Amino acid sequence: MLNSIYADIAMGLRPFSSASEMWLHLRNVYQQRNLAREFEVERNIAEYT
């Protein structure tokens, strides 16, 4: 996995020994929330019920 990503990202993954640990770390670091979409979905649910 380390050979298939940018070197600066790979450096942050060196402490992890398994791919699942690496994926969890990447998800935590790079996950972005879409608050506008969350609001839209919540509003649509409220209108529907």
PDB file of N, CA and C in Angstrom:
ATOM      1  N   MET A   1       0.816  -1.186   0.000  1.00  0.00           N
ATOM      2  CA  MET A   1       0.000   0.000   0.000  1.00  0.00           C
ATOM      3  C   MET A   1       0.863   1.254   0.000  1.00  0.00           C
ATOM      4  N   LEU A   2       1.959   1.233   0.726  1.00  0.00           N
ATOM      5  CA  LEU A   2       2.801   2.422   0.828  1.00  0.00           C
ATOM      6  C   LEU A   2       3.392   2.841  -0.511  1.00  0.00           C
ATOM      7  N   ASN A   3       3.599   1.895  -1.412  1.00  0.00           N
ATOM      8  CA  ASN A   3       4.172   2.231  -2.714  1.00  0.00           C
ATOM      9  C   ASN A   3       3.149   2.801  -3.686  1.00  0.00           C
ATOM     10  N   SER A   4       1.882   2.782  -3.340  1.00  0.00           N
ATOM     11  CA  SER A   4       0.848   3.250  -4.262  1.00  0.00           C
ATOM     12  C   SER A   4       0.289   4.621  -3.897  1.00  0.00           C
ATOM     13  N   ILE A   5       0.892   5.293  -2.913  1.00  0.00           N
ATOM     14  CA  ILE A   5       0.418   6.618  -2.516  1.00  0.00           C
ATOM     15  C   ILE A   5       1.586   7.596  -2.496  1.00  0.00           C
ATOM     16  N   TYR A   6       1.259   8.884  -2.393  1.00  0.00           N
ATOM     17  CA  TYR A   6       2.292   9.918  -2.354  1.00  0.00           C
ATOM     18  C   TYR A   6       3.213   9.706  -1.156  1.00  0.00           C
ATOM     19  N   ALA A   7       4.471  10.065  -1.340  1.00  0.00           N
ATOM     20  CA  ALA A   7       5.485   9.838  -0.306  1.00  0.00           C
ATOM     21  C   ALA A   7       5.152  10.560   0.996  1.00  0.00           C
ATOM     22  N   ASP A   8       4.640  11.797   0.915  1.00  0.00           N
ATOM     23  CA  ASP A   8       4.344  12.532   2.147  1.00  0.00           C
ATOM     24  C   ASP A   8       3.204  11.885   2.939  1.00  0.00           C
ATOM     25  N   ILE A   9       2.258  11.268   2.241  1.00  0.00           N
ATOM     26  CA  ILE A   9       1.186  10.544   2.931  1.00  0.00           C
ATOM     27  C   ILE A   9       1.725   9.240   3.504  1.00  0.00           C
ATOM     28  N   ALA A  10       2.573   8.560   2.744  1.00  0.00           N
ATOM     29  CA  ALA A  10       3.152   7.287   3.189  1.00  0.00           C
ATOM     30  C   ALA A  10       3.969   7.462   4.466  1.00  0.00           C
ATOM     31  N   MET A  11       4.637   8.585   4.604  1.00  0.00           N
ATOM     32  CA  MET A  11       5.437   8.816   5.813  1.00  0.00           C
ATOM     33  C   MET A  11       4.558   8.805   7.066  1.00  0.00           C
ATOM     34  N   GLY A  12       3.344   9.306   6.957  1.00  0.00           N
ATOM     35  CA  GLY A  12       2.433   9.311   8.092  1.00  0.00           C
ATOM     36  C   GLY A  12       1.870   7.944   8.425  1.00  0.00           C
ATOM     37  N   LEU A  13       2.030   6.995   7.502  1.00  0.00           N
ATOM     38  CA  LEU A  13       1.486   5.655   7.715  1.00  0.00           C
ATOM     39  C   LEU A  13       2.516   4.661   8.231  1.00  0.00           C
ATOM     40  N   ARG A  14       3.752   5.046   8.313  1.00  0.00           N
ATOM     41  CA  ARG A  14       4.814   4.129   8.732  1.00  0.00           C
ATOM     42  C   ARG A  14       4.607   3.516  10.117  1.00  0.00           C
ATOM     43  N   PRO A  15       4.025   4.243  11.084  1.00  0.00           N
ATOM     44  CA  PRO A  15       3.844   3.630  12.412  1.00  0.00           C
ATOM     45  C   PRO A  15       2.834   2.479  12.442  1.00  0.00           C
ATOM     46  N   PHE A  16       2.026   2.345  11.402  1.00  0.00           N
ATOM     47  CA  PHE A  16       0.971   1.332  11.409  1.00  0.00           C
ATOM     48  C   PHE A  16       1.464   0.048  10.769  1.00  0.00           C
ATOM     49  N   SER A  17       1.064  -1.075  11.348  1.00  0.00           N
ATOM     50  CA  SER A  17       1.570  -2.359  10.859  1.00  0.00           C
ATOM     51  C   SER A  17       0.595  -3.095   9.952  1.00  0.00           C
ATOM     52  N   SER A  18      -0.676  -2.713   9.976  1.00  0.00           N
ATOM     53  CA  SER A  18      -1.644  -3.411   9.122  1.00  0.00           C
ATOM     54  C   SER A  18      -2.363  -2.421   8.207  1.00  0.00           C
ATOM     55  N   ALA A  19      -2.869  -2.939   7.112  1.00  0.00           N
ATOM     56  CA  ALA A  19      -3.589  -2.095   6.154  1.00  0.00           C
ATOM     57  C   ALA A  19      -4.850  -1.512   6.785  1.00  0.00           C
ATOM     58  N   SER A  20      -5.510  -2.277   7.637  1.00  0.00           N
ATOM     59  CA  SER A  20      -6.737  -1.759   8.257  1.00  0.00           C
ATOM     60  C   SER A  20      -6.439  -0.576   9.172  1.00  0.00           C
ATOM     61  N   GLU A  21      -5.322  -0.634   9.887  1.00  0.00           N
ATOM     62  CA  GLU A  21      -4.919   0.506  10.714  1.00  0.00           C
ATOM     63  C   GLU A  21      -4.621   1.719   9.840  1.00  0.00           C
ATOM     64  N   MET A  22      -3.974   1.487   8.711  1.00  0.00           N
ATOM     65  CA  MET A  22      -3.661   2.584   7.791  1.00  0.00           C
ATOM     66  C   MET A  22      -4.929   3.214   7.248  1.00  0.00           C
ATOM     67  N   TRP A  23      -5.905   2.378   6.834  1.00  0.00           N
ATOM     68  CA  TRP A  23      -7.159   2.901   6.291  1.00  0.00           C
ATOM     69  C   TRP A  23      -7.924   3.692   7.344  1.00  0.00           C
ATOM     70  N   LEU A  24      -7.947   3.219   8.578  1.00  0.00           N
ATOM     71  CA  LEU A  24      -8.618   3.960   9.648  1.00  0.00           C
ATOM     72  C   LEU A  24      -7.970   5.318   9.860  1.00  0.00           C
ATOM     73  N   HIS A  25      -6.643   5.334   9.856  1.00  0.00           N
ATOM     74  CA  HIS A  25      -5.925   6.593  10.022  1.00  0.00           C
ATOM     75  C   HIS A  25      -6.239   7.541   8.862  1.00  0.00           C
ATOM     76  N   LEU A  26      -6.181   7.042   7.630  1.00  0.00           N
ATOM     77  CA  LEU A  26      -6.469   7.878   6.462  1.00  0.00           C
ATOM     78  C   LEU A  26      -7.895   8.420   6.510  1.00  0.00           C
ATOM     79  N   ARG A  27      -8.838   7.584   6.904  1.00  0.00           N
ATOM     80  CA  ARG A  27     -10.229   8.041   6.998  1.00  0.00           C
ATOM     81  C   ARG A  27     -10.356   9.156   8.028  1.00  0.00           C
ATOM     82  N   ASN A  28      -9.721   8.991   9.187  1.00  0.00           N
ATOM     83  CA  ASN A  28      -9.800  10.012  10.232  1.00  0.00           C
ATOM     84  C   ASN A  28      -9.149  11.319   9.807  1.00  0.00           C
ATOM     85  N   VAL A  29      -8.065  11.237   9.064  1.00  0.00           N
ATOM     86  CA  VAL A  29      -7.342  12.439   8.658  1.00  0.00           C
ATOM     87  C   VAL A  29      -8.027  13.157   7.502  1.00  0.00           C
ATOM     88  N   TYR A  30      -8.509  12.416   6.518  1.00  0.00           N
ATOM     89  CA  TYR A  30      -8.979  13.025   5.280  1.00  0.00           C
ATOM     90  C   TYR A  30     -10.493  13.054   5.112  1.00  0.00           C
ATOM     91  N   GLN A  31     -11.232  12.526   6.067  1.00  0.00           N
ATOM     92  CA  GLN A  31     -12.695  12.533   5.966  1.00  0.00           C
ATOM     93  C   GLN A  31     -13.201  13.968   6.059  1.00  0.00           C
ATOM     94  N   GLN A  32     -14.122  14.304   5.150  1.00  0.00           N
ATOM     95  CA  GLN A  32     -14.718  15.635   5.160  1.00  0.00           C
ATOM     96  C   GLN A  32     -16.219  15.505   5.349  1.00  0.00           C
ATOM     97  N   ARG A  33     -16.749  16.348   6.187  1.00  0.00           N
ATOM     98  CA  ARG A  33     -18.197  16.348   6.399  1.00  0.00           C
ATOM     99  C   ARG A  33     -18.838  17.282   5.392  1.00  0.00           C
ATOM    100  N   ASN A  34     -19.991  16.897   4.922  1.00  0.00           N
ATOM    101  CA  ASN A  34     -20.761  17.717   4.008  1.00  0.00           C
ATOM    102  C   ASN A  34     -21.991  18.207   4.770  1.00  0.00           C
ATOM    103  N   LEU A  35     -21.802  19.289   5.523  1.00  0.00           N
ATOM    104  CA  LEU A  35     -22.861  19.774   6.398  1.00  0.00           C
ATOM    105  C   LEU A  35     -24.080  20.242   5.616  1.00  0.00           C
ATOM    106  N   ALA A  36     -23.875  20.820   4.443  1.00  0.00           N
ATOM    107  CA  ALA A  36     -25.004  21.265   3.629  1.00  0.00           C
ATOM    108  C   ALA A  36     -25.866  20.072   3.222  1.00  0.00           C
ATOM    109  N   ARG A  37     -25.232  18.993   2.816  1.00  0.00           N
ATOM    110  CA  ARG A  37     -25.975  17.793   2.417  1.00  0.00           C
ATOM    111  C   ARG A  37     -26.672  17.163   3.623  1.00  0.00           C
ATOM    112  N   GLU A  38     -25.994  17.125   4.775  1.00  0.00           N
ATOM    113  CA  GLU A  38     -26.618  16.589   5.985  1.00  0.00           C
ATOM    114  C   GLU A  38     -27.873  17.380   6.338  1.00  0.00           C
ATOM    115  N   PHE A  39     -27.781  18.704   6.258  1.00  0.00           N
ATOM    116  CA  PHE A  39     -28.931  19.552   6.558  1.00  0.00           C
ATOM    117  C   PHE A  39     -30.070  19.282   5.584  1.00  0.00           C
ATOM    118  N   GLU A  40     -29.742  19.161   4.304  1.00  0.00           N
ATOM    119  CA  GLU A  40     -30.754  18.896   3.287  1.00  0.00           C
ATOM    120  C   GLU A  40     -31.468  17.567   3.543  1.00  0.00           C
ATOM    121  N   VAL A  41     -30.716  16.538   3.862  1.00  0.00           N
ATOM    122  CA  VAL A  41     -31.310  15.226   4.131  1.00  0.00           C
ATOM    123  C   VAL A  41     -32.198  15.286   5.370  1.00  0.00           C
ATOM    124  N   GLU A  42     -31.712  15.923   6.432  1.00  0.00           N
ATOM    125  CA  GLU A  42     -32.510  16.044   7.651  1.00  0.00           C
ATOM    126  C   GLU A  42     -33.797  16.816   7.386  1.00  0.00           C
ATOM    127  N   ARG A  43     -33.714  17.879   6.606  1.00  0.00           N
ATOM    128  CA  ARG A  43     -34.901  18.669   6.268  1.00  0.00           C
ATOM    129  C   ARG A  43     -35.889  17.836   5.452  1.00  0.00           C
ATOM    130  N   ASN A  44     -35.377  17.091   4.479  1.00  0.00           N
ATOM    131  CA  ASN A  44     -36.248  16.247   3.664  1.00  0.00           C
ATOM    132  C   ASN A  44     -36.938  15.173   4.504  1.00  0.00           C
ATOM    133  N   ILE A  45     -36.218  14.603   5.445  1.00  0.00           N
ATOM    134  CA  ILE A  45     -36.813  13.596   6.333  1.00  0.00           C
ATOM    135  C   ILE A  45     -37.907  14.233   7.179  1.00  0.00           C
ATOM    136  N   ALA A  46     -37.638  15.418   7.712  1.00  0.00           N
ATOM    137  CA  ALA A  46     -38.625  16.104   8.549  1.00  0.00           C
ATOM    138  C   ALA A  46     -39.873  16.456   7.747  1.00  0.00           C
ATOM    139  N   GLU A  47     -39.705  16.863   6.501  1.00  0.00           N
ATOM    140  CA  GLU A  47     -40.850  17.206   5.654  1.00  0.00           C
ATOM    141  C   GLU A  47     -41.632  15.963   5.250  1.00  0.00           C
ATOM    142  N   TYR A  48     -40.965  14.858   5.123  1.00  0.00           N
ATOM    143  CA  TYR A  48     -41.590  13.625   4.654  1.00  0.00           C
ATOM    144  C   TYR A  48     -42.449  12.971   5.727  1.00  0.00           C
ATOM    145  N   THR A  49     -42.043  13.145   6.991  1.00  0.00           N
ATOM    146  CA  THR A  49     -42.771  12.462   8.068  1.00  0.00           C
ATOM    147  C   THR A  49     -43.937  13.261   8.585  1.00  0.00           C
TER     148      THR A  49
END
